[in-house]
Amino acid sequence: MKNPRLKLIFLGLIMINLSSLAQPEYTAVKNNFCANAESHSRDLQKKDDLSFLLTPLTELKLNNKYILSDFRRYWTLKVRDSSCLRLYVRKKKQDRPDEEYFDKEYHRYLKCKKNNMPYITNKEQVAFTDPFSKISLTGTKMSIWQAYLLEKSSILFGMRNDANYNQTYLITSVEDVDSIISLIKKSWEDDLFSENFNPNFVDAKGERYKRHVAETFAVVDSLQNLKFKKLEPVFTFDADSVTIEHYAFAEFHGLGKSKMTLFFANRHHHHIKKVVERKFSYISKYSRQIWY
């Protein structure tokens, strides 16, 4: 190409196309975090030290005297439960609690938290210790996002129920929207989106099915409309807290906005002292059907 001006325009178009293929930064970290967990899915059920979950979260640092672990019994065919991941930290030299200890102590911890009471444990026992009591952040916005992902881990992976009832997808890019639409159309509701679908048969299947069909098409339309909105997470900084808000989709609840506030020990955002989950704001409700 002899014309230098045309050459610059051509190179510019190539760069624009390449940049459009790259994932937004927050999405890339989220996807790497989930992919890393999925690649260790068997370890999540069988290993005590789950510190490998922090590998993609490069701006979080766990105190080297501690390990990250799951405050649940090991999963077996004989011992099955429908719980979600319960990340906690424990000293490396400290023994893992007895299997029967976990549920009882965890629910006592939740009760104390709910009633705003101090959580006091026996020195002989292993306490449920929040990971952020021993994890520090670099203080950047990305480190806050990574801390948020770790806090959300229980609804991203590690469920022990048959249908992953709490599974939630964090939406931070158009690619996320397309993936969810594909799941709905191809994996969960393939009959509704097939060429052979006959809407005239819907009424014959009753009100419940009719309502489900209406919800399914409505949520797909809402997801399509989402592509025209700003999808990256929004950070609102206050004196000692940061509120993170973004779109999310839950398989058995629907599409909406997820909101969480992280409270910090100081304005440098290096140590989280409290996390408050805000009410999920629905845009379009949906609950996929499970057939056995």
C-alpha atoms as a PDB file:
ATOM      1  CA  MET A   1       0.000   0.000   0.000  1.00  0.00           C
ATOM      2  CA  LYS A   2       1.835   3.096  -1.294  1.00  0.00           C
ATOM      3  CA  ASN A   3      -0.378   5.851   0.114  1.00  0.00           C
ATOM      4  CA  PRO A   4       0.874   6.421   3.722  1.00  0.00           C
ATOM      5  CA  ARG A   5      -2.423   7.992   4.787  1.00  0.00           C
ATOM      6  CA  LEU A   6      -4.428   4.978   3.608  1.00  0.00           C
ATOM      7  CA  LYS A   7      -1.912   2.719   5.312  1.00  0.00           C
ATOM      8  CA  LEU A   8      -2.446   4.494   8.665  1.00  0.00           C
ATOM      9  CA  ILE A   9      -6.221   4.237   8.295  1.00  0.00           C
ATOM     10  CA  PHE A  10      -5.912   0.545   7.459  1.00  0.00           C
ATOM     11  CA  LEU A  11      -3.690  -0.138  10.483  1.00  0.00           C
ATOM     12  CA  GLY A  12      -6.068   1.840  12.685  1.00  0.00           C
ATOM     13  CA  LEU A  13      -9.008  -0.313  11.589  1.00  0.00           C
ATOM     14  CA  ILE A  14      -7.020  -3.453  12.380  1.00  0.00           C
ATOM     15  CA  MET A  15      -6.206  -2.158  15.865  1.00  0.00           C
ATOM     16  CA  ILE A  16      -9.872  -1.316  16.502  1.00  0.00           C
ATOM     17  CA  ASN A  17     -10.928  -4.816  15.455  1.00  0.00           C
ATOM     18  CA  LEU A  18      -8.271  -6.434  17.638  1.00  0.00           C
ATOM     19  CA  SER A  19      -9.240  -4.338  20.651  1.00  0.00           C
ATOM     20  CA  SER A  20     -12.881  -5.340  20.234  1.00  0.00           C
ATOM     21  CA  LEU A  21     -11.819  -8.989  20.550  1.00  0.00           C
ATOM     22  CA  ALA A  22     -10.109  -8.385  23.881  1.00  0.00           C
ATOM     23  CA  GLN A  23     -12.168  -8.914  27.021  1.00  0.00           C
ATOM     24  CA  PRO A  24     -12.767  -5.954  29.314  1.00  0.00           C
ATOM     25  CA  GLU A  25     -10.352  -6.076  32.258  1.00  0.00           C
ATOM     26  CA  TYR A  26     -12.950  -6.820  34.943  1.00  0.00           C
ATOM     27  CA  THR A  27     -14.517  -9.546  32.811  1.00  0.00           C
ATOM     28  CA  ALA A  28     -11.158 -11.184  32.117  1.00  0.00           C
ATOM     29  CA  VAL A  29     -10.319 -11.390  35.828  1.00  0.00           C
ATOM     30  CA  LYS A  30     -13.788 -12.742  36.631  1.00  0.00           C
ATOM     31  CA  ASN A  31     -13.541 -15.385  33.914  1.00  0.00           C
ATOM     32  CA  ASN A  32     -10.030 -16.421  34.973  1.00  0.00           C
ATOM     33  CA  PHE A  33     -11.160 -16.705  38.594  1.00  0.00           C
ATOM     34  CA  CYS A  34     -14.117 -18.947  37.670  1.00  0.00           C
ATOM     35  CA  ALA A  35     -12.121 -20.982  35.142  1.00  0.00           C
ATOM     36  CA  ASN A  36      -9.390 -21.628  37.717  1.00  0.00           C
ATOM     37  CA  ALA A  37     -11.983 -22.858  40.218  1.00  0.00           C
ATOM     38  CA  GLU A  38     -13.672 -25.064  37.619  1.00  0.00           C
ATOM     39  CA  SER A  39     -10.326 -26.625  36.643  1.00  0.00           C
ATOM     40  CA  HIS A  40      -9.915 -27.608  40.315  1.00  0.00           C
ATOM     41  CA  SER A  41     -13.537 -28.700  40.814  1.00  0.00           C
ATOM     42  CA  ARG A  42     -12.500 -32.074  42.234  1.00  0.00           C
ATOM     43  CA  ASP A  43     -10.030 -30.412  44.602  1.00  0.00           C
ATOM     44  CA  LEU A  44     -12.825 -28.164  45.890  1.00  0.00           C
ATOM     45  CA  GLN A  45     -14.575 -31.268  47.208  1.00  0.00           C
ATOM     46  CA  LYS A  46     -11.552 -33.212  48.457  1.00  0.00           C
ATOM     47  CA  LYS A  47      -8.731 -30.826  49.449  1.00  0.00           C
ATOM     48  CA  ASP A  48      -8.323 -28.918  52.674  1.00  0.00           C
ATOM     49  CA  ASP A  49      -6.068 -26.137  51.387  1.00  0.00           C
ATOM     50  CA  LEU A  50      -7.950 -24.120  48.751  1.00  0.00           C
ATOM     51  CA  SER A  51      -5.430 -21.275  48.560  1.00  0.00           C
ATOM     52  CA  PHE A  52      -5.088 -22.008  44.829  1.00  0.00           C
ATOM     53  CA  LEU A  53      -8.355 -20.071  44.374  1.00  0.00           C
ATOM     54  CA  LEU A  54      -6.358 -16.886  45.014  1.00  0.00           C
ATOM     55  CA  THR A  55      -3.930 -17.520  42.125  1.00  0.00           C
ATOM     56  CA  PRO A  56      -5.817 -15.339  39.573  1.00  0.00           C
ATOM     57  CA  LEU A  57      -6.519 -12.699  42.236  1.00  0.00           C
ATOM     58  CA  THR A  58      -3.042 -11.216  42.073  1.00  0.00           C
ATOM     59  CA  GLU A  59      -3.858  -8.079  44.078  1.00  0.00           C
ATOM     60  CA  LEU A  60      -4.966 -10.015  47.151  1.00  0.00           C
ATOM     61  CA  LYS A  61      -2.418 -11.370  49.625  1.00  0.00           C
ATOM     62  CA  LEU A  62      -3.141 -14.052  52.212  1.00  0.00           C
ATOM     63  CA  ASN A  63      -1.071 -14.001  55.434  1.00  0.00           C
ATOM     64  CA  ASN A  64       1.532 -16.748  54.905  1.00  0.00           C
ATOM     65  CA  LYS A  65       0.718 -18.336  58.264  1.00  0.00           C
ATOM     66  CA  TYR A  66      -2.796 -19.213  57.069  1.00  0.00           C
ATOM     67  CA  ILE A  67      -4.556 -21.329  54.472  1.00  0.00           C
ATOM     68  CA  LEU A  68      -7.855 -20.724  52.706  1.00  0.00           C
ATOM     69  CA  SER A  69     -10.269 -23.592  53.270  1.00  0.00           C
ATOM     70  CA  ASP A  70     -13.931 -24.659  53.074  1.00  0.00           C
ATOM     71  CA  PHE A  71     -15.905 -24.762  56.344  1.00  0.00           C
ATOM     72  CA  ARG A  72     -17.816 -27.865  55.275  1.00  0.00           C
ATOM     73  CA  ARG A  73     -17.449 -31.619  55.526  1.00  0.00           C
ATOM     74  CA  TYR A  74     -15.753 -33.350  52.632  1.00  0.00           C
ATOM     75  CA  TRP A  75     -18.278 -34.386  49.997  1.00  0.00           C
ATOM     76  CA  THR A  76     -18.810 -38.130  49.554  1.00  0.00           C
ATOM     77  CA  LEU A  77     -21.539 -40.333  48.129  1.00  0.00           C
ATOM     78  CA  LYS A  78     -22.512 -41.211  51.709  1.00  0.00           C
ATOM     79  CA  VAL A  79     -22.248 -37.690  53.122  1.00  0.00           C
ATOM     80  CA  ARG A  80     -24.105 -35.385  50.744  1.00  0.00           C
ATOM     81  CA  ASP A  81     -25.534 -31.949  51.384  1.00  0.00           C
ATOM     82  CA  SER A  82     -26.985 -29.054  49.385  1.00  0.00           C
ATOM     83  CA  SER A  83     -24.750 -26.343  50.799  1.00  0.00           C
ATOM     84  CA  CYS A  84     -22.702 -23.660  49.072  1.00  0.00           C
ATOM     85  CA  LEU A  85     -19.004 -22.939  49.464  1.00  0.00           C
ATOM     86  CA  ARG A  86     -18.051 -21.487  52.892  1.00  0.00           C
ATOM     87  CA  LEU A  87     -14.570 -20.031  52.583  1.00  0.00           C
ATOM     88  CA  TYR A  88     -12.673 -19.351  55.805  1.00  0.00           C
ATOM     89  CA  VAL A  89      -9.040 -19.134  56.935  1.00  0.00           C
ATOM     90  CA  ARG A  90      -7.159 -21.254  59.440  1.00  0.00           C
ATOM     91  CA  LYS A  91      -3.593 -21.370  60.702  1.00  0.00           C
ATOM     92  CA  LYS A  92      -1.434 -23.806  58.724  1.00  0.00           C
ATOM     93  CA  LYS A  93      -0.343 -25.571  61.915  1.00  0.00           C
ATOM     94  CA  GLN A  94      -3.918 -25.898  63.138  1.00  0.00           C
ATOM     95  CA  ASP A  95      -5.729 -29.183  62.555  1.00  0.00           C
ATOM     96  CA  ARG A  96      -8.840 -29.361  60.429  1.00  0.00           C
ATOM     97  CA  PRO A  97     -12.038 -29.526  62.546  1.00  0.00           C
ATOM     98  CA  ASP A  98     -13.905 -32.810  62.976  1.00  0.00           C
ATOM     99  CA  GLU A  99     -16.502 -33.453  60.277  1.00  0.00           C
ATOM    100  CA  GLU A 100     -19.528 -33.170  62.583  1.00  0.00           C
ATOM    101  CA  TYR A 101     -18.323 -29.794  63.856  1.00  0.00           C
ATOM    102  CA  PHE A 102     -18.783 -27.738  60.693  1.00  0.00           C
ATOM    103  CA  ASP A 103     -22.534 -27.226  60.294  1.00  0.00           C
ATOM    104  CA  LYS A 104     -23.211 -26.627  63.974  1.00  0.00           C
ATOM    105  CA  GLU A 105     -20.451 -24.043  64.362  1.00  0.00           C
ATOM    106  CA  TYR A 106     -21.198 -22.291  61.078  1.00  0.00           C
ATOM    107  CA  HIS A 107     -24.857 -21.809  61.977  1.00  0.00           C
ATOM    108  CA  ARG A 108     -23.838 -20.508  65.397  1.00  0.00           C
ATOM    109  CA  TYR A 109     -21.575 -17.997  63.638  1.00  0.00           C
ATOM    110  CA  LEU A 110     -24.458 -16.892  61.384  1.00  0.00           C
ATOM    111  CA  LYS A 111     -26.798 -16.545  64.362  1.00  0.00           C
ATOM    112  CA  CYS A 112     -24.299 -14.308  66.192  1.00  0.00           C
ATOM    113  CA  LYS A 113     -23.840 -12.226  63.061  1.00  0.00           C
ATOM    114  CA  LYS A 114     -27.593 -11.867  62.506  1.00  0.00           C
ATOM    115  CA  ASN A 115     -28.212 -10.797  66.120  1.00  0.00           C
ATOM    116  CA  ASN A 116     -25.177  -8.497  66.123  1.00  0.00           C
ATOM    117  CA  MET A 117     -23.630 -10.523  68.950  1.00  0.00           C
ATOM    118  CA  PRO A 118     -19.909 -11.247  69.472  1.00  0.00           C
ATOM    119  CA  TYR A 119     -18.848 -14.599  68.042  1.00  0.00           C
ATOM    120  CA  ILE A 120     -16.793 -16.265  70.793  1.00  0.00           C
ATOM    121  CA  THR A 121     -15.295 -19.723  70.350  1.00  0.00           C
ATOM    122  CA  ASN A 122     -13.670 -22.210  72.644  1.00  0.00           C
ATOM    123  CA  LYS A 123      -9.881 -22.180  72.396  1.00  0.00           C
ATOM    124  CA  GLU A 124      -9.974 -25.913  71.728  1.00  0.00           C
ATOM    125  CA  GLN A 125     -12.181 -25.409  68.672  1.00  0.00           C
ATOM    126  CA  VAL A 126     -11.531 -24.016  65.214  1.00  0.00           C
ATOM    127  CA  ALA A 127     -13.517 -20.827  64.638  1.00  0.00           C
ATOM    128  CA  PHE A 128     -15.166 -19.759  61.417  1.00  0.00           C
ATOM    129  CA  THR A 129     -12.732 -16.967  60.546  1.00  0.00           C
ATOM    130  CA  ASP A 130     -13.629 -14.610  57.711  1.00  0.00           C
ATOM    131  CA  PRO A 131     -10.987 -14.759  54.942  1.00  0.00           C
ATOM    132  CA  PHE A 132     -10.647 -10.969  54.836  1.00  0.00           C
ATOM    133  CA  SER A 133      -9.405 -10.888  58.399  1.00  0.00           C
ATOM    134  CA  LYS A 134      -6.161 -12.354  57.011  1.00  0.00           C
ATOM    135  CA  ILE A 135      -6.236 -11.106  53.407  1.00  0.00           C
ATOM    136  CA  SER A 136      -4.887  -7.687  52.439  1.00  0.00           C
ATOM    137  CA  LEU A 137      -5.618  -5.684  49.278  1.00  0.00           C
ATOM    138  CA  THR A 138      -3.263  -3.475  47.283  1.00  0.00           C
ATOM    139  CA  GLY A 139      -5.870  -0.706  47.543  1.00  0.00           C
ATOM    140  CA  THR A 140      -6.529  -0.334  43.811  1.00  0.00           C
ATOM    141  CA  LYS A 141      -9.965  -0.541  42.221  1.00  0.00           C
ATOM    142  CA  MET A 142      -8.945  -3.867  40.687  1.00  0.00           C
ATOM    143  CA  SER A 143      -8.015  -5.264  44.116  1.00  0.00           C
ATOM    144  CA  ILE A 144     -11.472  -4.249  45.368  1.00  0.00           C
ATOM    145  CA  TRP A 145     -13.039  -6.072  42.407  1.00  0.00           C
ATOM    146  CA  GLN A 146     -10.952  -9.166  43.170  1.00  0.00           C
ATOM    147  CA  ALA A 147     -12.015  -9.068  46.830  1.00  0.00           C
ATOM    148  CA  TYR A 148     -15.608  -8.775  45.642  1.00  0.00           C
ATOM    149  CA  LEU A 149     -15.192 -11.870  43.450  1.00  0.00           C
ATOM    150  CA  LEU A 150     -13.814 -13.854  46.375  1.00  0.00           C
ATOM    151  CA  GLU A 151     -16.765 -12.766  48.511  1.00  0.00           C
ATOM    152  CA  LYS A 152     -19.139 -13.871  45.719  1.00  0.00           C
ATOM    153  CA  SER A 153     -17.440 -17.262  45.278  1.00  0.00           C
ATOM    154  CA  SER A 154     -20.240 -19.185  47.031  1.00  0.00           C
ATOM    155  CA  ILE A 155     -22.693 -18.365  44.223  1.00  0.00           C
ATOM    156  CA  LEU A 156     -20.178 -18.690  41.379  1.00  0.00           C
ATOM    157  CA  PHE A 157     -19.032 -22.282  41.977  1.00  0.00           C
ATOM    158  CA  GLY A 158     -18.782 -25.004  44.626  1.00  0.00           C
ATOM    159  CA  MET A 159     -22.502 -25.776  45.025  1.00  0.00           C
ATOM    160  CA  ARG A 160     -23.371 -29.270  46.198  1.00  0.00           C
ATOM    161  CA  ASN A 161     -26.970 -29.509  45.043  1.00  0.00           C
ATOM    162  CA  ASP A 162     -28.131 -31.310  41.924  1.00  0.00           C
ATOM    163  CA  ALA A 163     -29.111 -28.230  39.947  1.00  0.00           C
ATOM    164  CA  ASN A 164     -26.798 -25.502  41.321  1.00  0.00           C
ATOM    165  CA  TYR A 165     -29.801 -23.583  42.614  1.00  0.00           C
ATOM    166  CA  ASN A 166     -27.759 -20.567  43.725  1.00  0.00           C
ATOM    167  CA  GLN A 167     -25.693 -20.333  40.533  1.00  0.00           C
ATOM    168  CA  THR A 168     -25.324 -16.699  39.524  1.00  0.00           C
ATOM    169  CA  TYR A 169     -23.573 -15.148  36.519  1.00  0.00           C
ATOM    170  CA  LEU A 170     -21.972 -11.740  36.943  1.00  0.00           C
ATOM    171  CA  ILE A 171     -22.589  -9.641  33.840  1.00  0.00           C
ATOM    172  CA  THR A 172     -19.781  -7.220  32.986  1.00  0.00           C
ATOM    173  CA  SER A 173     -19.613  -7.474  29.179  1.00  0.00           C
ATOM    174  CA  VAL A 174     -21.662  -8.138  26.056  1.00  0.00           C
ATOM    175  CA  GLU A 175     -19.956 -11.542  25.866  1.00  0.00           C
ATOM    176  CA  ASP A 176     -21.466 -12.421  29.252  1.00  0.00           C
ATOM    177  CA  VAL A 177     -24.922 -11.501  27.960  1.00  0.00           C
ATOM    178  CA  ASP A 178     -24.463 -13.646  24.840  1.00  0.00           C
ATOM    179  CA  SER A 179     -23.304 -16.611  26.952  1.00  0.00           C
ATOM    180  CA  ILE A 180     -26.392 -16.436  29.169  1.00  0.00           C
ATOM    181  CA  ILE A 181     -28.743 -16.128  26.191  1.00  0.00           C
ATOM    182  CA  SER A 182     -27.031 -19.163  24.654  1.00  0.00           C
ATOM    183  CA  LEU A 183     -27.520 -21.148  27.888  1.00  0.00           C
ATOM    184  CA  ILE A 184     -31.209 -20.292  27.934  1.00  0.00           C
ATOM    185  CA  LYS A 185     -31.820 -21.048  24.261  1.00  0.00           C
ATOM    186  CA  LYS A 186     -29.616 -24.132  23.843  1.00  0.00           C
ATOM    187  CA  SER A 187     -29.295 -25.741  27.262  1.00  0.00           C
ATOM    188  CA  TRP A 188     -32.373 -24.936  29.322  1.00  0.00           C
ATOM    189  CA  GLU A 189     -35.169 -23.940  26.946  1.00  0.00           C
ATOM    190  CA  ASP A 190     -34.153 -25.515  23.645  1.00  0.00           C
ATOM    191  CA  ASP A 191     -37.730 -26.646  22.962  1.00  0.00           C
ATOM    192  CA  LEU A 192     -39.038 -23.047  23.085  1.00  0.00           C
ATOM    193  CA  PHE A 193     -36.464 -21.795  20.594  1.00  0.00           C
ATOM    194  CA  SER A 194     -36.508 -24.701  18.138  1.00  0.00           C
ATOM    195  CA  GLU A 195     -37.895 -24.332  14.641  1.00  0.00           C
ATOM    196  CA  ASN A 196     -40.668 -26.776  15.543  1.00  0.00           C
ATOM    197  CA  PHE A 197     -41.989 -24.728  18.463  1.00  0.00           C
ATOM    198  CA  ASN A 198     -45.728 -24.144  18.106  1.00  0.00           C
ATOM    199  CA  PRO A 199     -47.026 -21.303  20.332  1.00  0.00           C
ATOM    200  CA  ASN A 200     -50.564 -22.607  19.896  1.00  0.00           C
ATOM    201  CA  PHE A 201     -49.724 -25.546  22.180  1.00  0.00           C
ATOM    202  CA  VAL A 202     -48.782 -23.298  25.118  1.00  0.00           C
ATOM    203  CA  ASP A 203     -52.333 -22.638  26.299  1.00  0.00           C
ATOM    204  CA  ALA A 204     -53.080 -26.358  26.338  1.00  0.00           C
ATOM    205  CA  LYS A 205     -50.309 -27.011  28.899  1.00  0.00           C
ATOM    206  CA  GLY A 206     -51.846 -24.860  31.619  1.00  0.00           C
ATOM    207  CA  GLU A 207     -51.268 -21.512  33.306  1.00  0.00           C
ATOM    208  CA  ARG A 208     -48.015 -22.453  35.010  1.00  0.00           C
ATOM    209  CA  TYR A 209     -46.331 -23.414  31.749  1.00  0.00           C
ATOM    210  CA  LYS A 210     -47.832 -20.397  29.998  1.00  0.00           C
ATOM    211  CA  ARG A 211     -46.367 -18.101  32.647  1.00  0.00           C
ATOM    212  CA  HIS A 212     -42.971 -19.806  32.375  1.00  0.00           C
ATOM    213  CA  VAL A 213     -42.915 -19.357  28.594  1.00  0.00           C
ATOM    214  CA  ALA A 214     -43.813 -15.671  28.953  1.00  0.00           C
ATOM    215  CA  GLU A 215     -41.038 -15.192  31.544  1.00  0.00           C
ATOM    216  CA  THR A 216     -38.505 -16.969  29.340  1.00  0.00           C
ATOM    217  CA  PHE A 217     -39.137 -14.786  26.296  1.00  0.00           C
ATOM    218  CA  ALA A 218     -39.271 -11.669  28.480  1.00  0.00           C
ATOM    219  CA  VAL A 219     -35.905 -12.355  30.120  1.00  0.00           C
ATOM    220  CA  VAL A 220     -34.264 -13.036  26.744  1.00  0.00           C
ATOM    221  CA  ASP A 221     -35.611  -9.705  25.461  1.00  0.00           C
ATOM    222  CA  SER A 222     -34.310  -7.972  28.604  1.00  0.00           C
ATOM    223  CA  LEU A 223     -30.896  -9.535  28.094  1.00  0.00           C
ATOM    224  CA  GLN A 224     -30.828  -8.413  24.461  1.00  0.00           C
ATOM    225  CA  ASN A 225     -31.654  -4.845  25.569  1.00  0.00           C
ATOM    226  CA  LEU A 226     -28.831  -5.022  28.118  1.00  0.00           C
ATOM    227  CA  LYS A 227     -26.279  -4.994  25.299  1.00  0.00           C
ATOM    228  CA  PHE A 228     -26.948  -1.301  24.747  1.00  0.00           C
ATOM    229  CA  LYS A 229     -26.138  -0.377  28.355  1.00  0.00           C
ATOM    230  CA  LYS A 230     -22.855   0.181  30.169  1.00  0.00           C
ATOM    231  CA  LEU A 231     -22.028  -3.220  31.605  1.00  0.00           C
ATOM    232  CA  GLU A 232     -18.757  -2.739  33.478  1.00  0.00           C
ATOM    233  CA  PRO A 233     -19.160  -2.695  37.284  1.00  0.00           C
ATOM    234  CA  VAL A 234     -19.795   0.708  38.882  1.00  0.00           C
ATOM    235  CA  PHE A 235     -17.756   1.642  41.973  1.00  0.00           C
ATOM    236  CA  THR A 236     -19.088   4.261  44.390  1.00  0.00           C
ATOM    237  CA  PHE A 237     -16.496   5.391  46.931  1.00  0.00           C
ATOM    238  CA  ASP A 238     -17.396   6.739  50.366  1.00  0.00           C
ATOM    239  CA  ALA A 239     -15.269   7.727  53.366  1.00  0.00           C
ATOM    240  CA  ASP A 240     -14.686   4.157  54.551  1.00  0.00           C
ATOM    241  CA  SER A 241     -16.567   2.006  52.042  1.00  0.00           C
ATOM    242  CA  VAL A 242     -16.949   1.086  48.393  1.00  0.00           C
ATOM    243  CA  THR A 243     -20.243  -0.025  46.849  1.00  0.00           C
ATOM    244  CA  ILE A 244     -20.040  -2.220  43.740  1.00  0.00           C
ATOM    245  CA  GLU A 245     -23.016  -2.503  41.420  1.00  0.00           C
ATOM    246  CA  HIS A 246     -23.430  -4.491  38.203  1.00  0.00           C
ATOM    247  CA  TYR A 247     -25.941  -6.618  36.303  1.00  0.00           C
ATOM    248  CA  ALA A 248     -26.298 -10.280  37.217  1.00  0.00           C
ATOM    249  CA  PHE A 249     -28.345 -13.289  36.187  1.00  0.00           C
ATOM    250  CA  ALA A 250     -29.399 -16.108  38.533  1.00  0.00           C
ATOM    251  CA  GLU A 251     -30.652 -19.350  36.987  1.00  0.00           C
ATOM    252  CA  PHE A 252     -33.571 -19.661  39.406  1.00  0.00           C
ATOM    253  CA  HIS A 253     -34.350 -16.003  40.053  1.00  0.00           C
ATOM    254  CA  GLY A 254     -33.809 -13.960  36.908  1.00  0.00           C
ATOM    255  CA  LEU A 255     -32.041 -10.832  35.691  1.00  0.00           C
ATOM    256  CA  GLY A 256     -31.335  -7.818  37.840  1.00  0.00           C
ATOM    257  CA  LYS A 257     -28.760  -5.597  39.487  1.00  0.00           C
ATOM    258  CA  SER A 258     -26.459  -6.918  42.172  1.00  0.00           C
ATOM    259  CA  LYS A 259     -25.162  -4.516  44.800  1.00  0.00           C
ATOM    260  CA  MET A 260     -22.678  -4.987  47.638  1.00  0.00           C
ATOM    261  CA  THR A 261     -20.856  -2.617  49.997  1.00  0.00           C
ATOM    262  CA  LEU A 262     -17.377  -3.376  51.300  1.00  0.00           C
ATOM    263  CA  PHE A 263     -16.423  -1.485  54.459  1.00  0.00           C
ATOM    264  CA  PHE A 264     -12.709  -0.852  55.040  1.00  0.00           C
ATOM    265  CA  ALA A 265     -10.609  -0.344  58.142  1.00  0.00           C
ATOM    266  CA  ASN A 266      -9.223   2.903  56.669  1.00  0.00           C
ATOM    267  CA  ARG A 267      -9.401   5.078  53.569  1.00  0.00           C
ATOM    268  CA  HIS A 268      -6.503   3.249  51.893  1.00  0.00           C
ATOM    269  CA  HIS A 269      -8.754   0.241  51.164  1.00  0.00           C
ATOM    270  CA  HIS A 270      -6.207  -2.357  52.262  1.00  0.00           C
ATOM    271  CA  HIS A 271      -8.274  -4.265  54.844  1.00  0.00           C
ATOM    272  CA  ILE A 272     -11.981  -5.165  54.677  1.00  0.00           C
ATOM    273  CA  LYS A 273     -13.746  -5.198  58.035  1.00  0.00           C
ATOM    274  CA  LYS A 274     -17.341  -5.841  56.933  1.00  0.00           C
ATOM    275  CA  VAL A 275     -19.360  -6.811  53.849  1.00  0.00           C
ATOM    276  CA  VAL A 276     -23.015  -5.896  53.362  1.00  0.00           C
ATOM    277  CA  GLU A 277     -25.051  -7.503  50.582  1.00  0.00           C
ATOM    278  CA  ARG A 278     -27.751  -5.191  49.235  1.00  0.00           C
ATOM    279  CA  LYS A 279     -31.174  -6.300  47.995  1.00  0.00           C
ATOM    280  CA  PHE A 280     -31.159  -7.729  44.455  1.00  0.00           C
ATOM    281  CA  SER A 281     -33.009  -5.360  42.130  1.00  0.00           C
ATOM    282  CA  TYR A 282     -35.008  -7.364  39.570  1.00  0.00           C
ATOM    283  CA  ILE A 283     -35.412  -6.386  35.929  1.00  0.00           C
ATOM    284  CA  SER A 284     -36.986  -9.590  34.677  1.00  0.00           C
ATOM    285  CA  LYS A 285     -37.815 -12.679  36.748  1.00  0.00           C
ATOM    286  CA  TYR A 286     -37.099 -16.175  35.495  1.00  0.00           C
ATOM    287  CA  SER A 287     -36.648 -19.664  36.903  1.00  0.00           C
ATOM    288  CA  ARG A 288     -35.492 -22.466  34.679  1.00  0.00           C
ATOM    289  CA  GLN A 289     -37.386 -25.715  34.920  1.00  0.00           C
ATOM    290  CA  ILE A 290     -35.717 -28.947  35.998  1.00  0.00           C
ATOM    291  CA  TRP A 291     -36.925 -32.212  34.553  1.00  0.00           C
ATOM    292  CA  TYR A 292     -36.048 -35.514  36.245  1.00  0.00           C
END
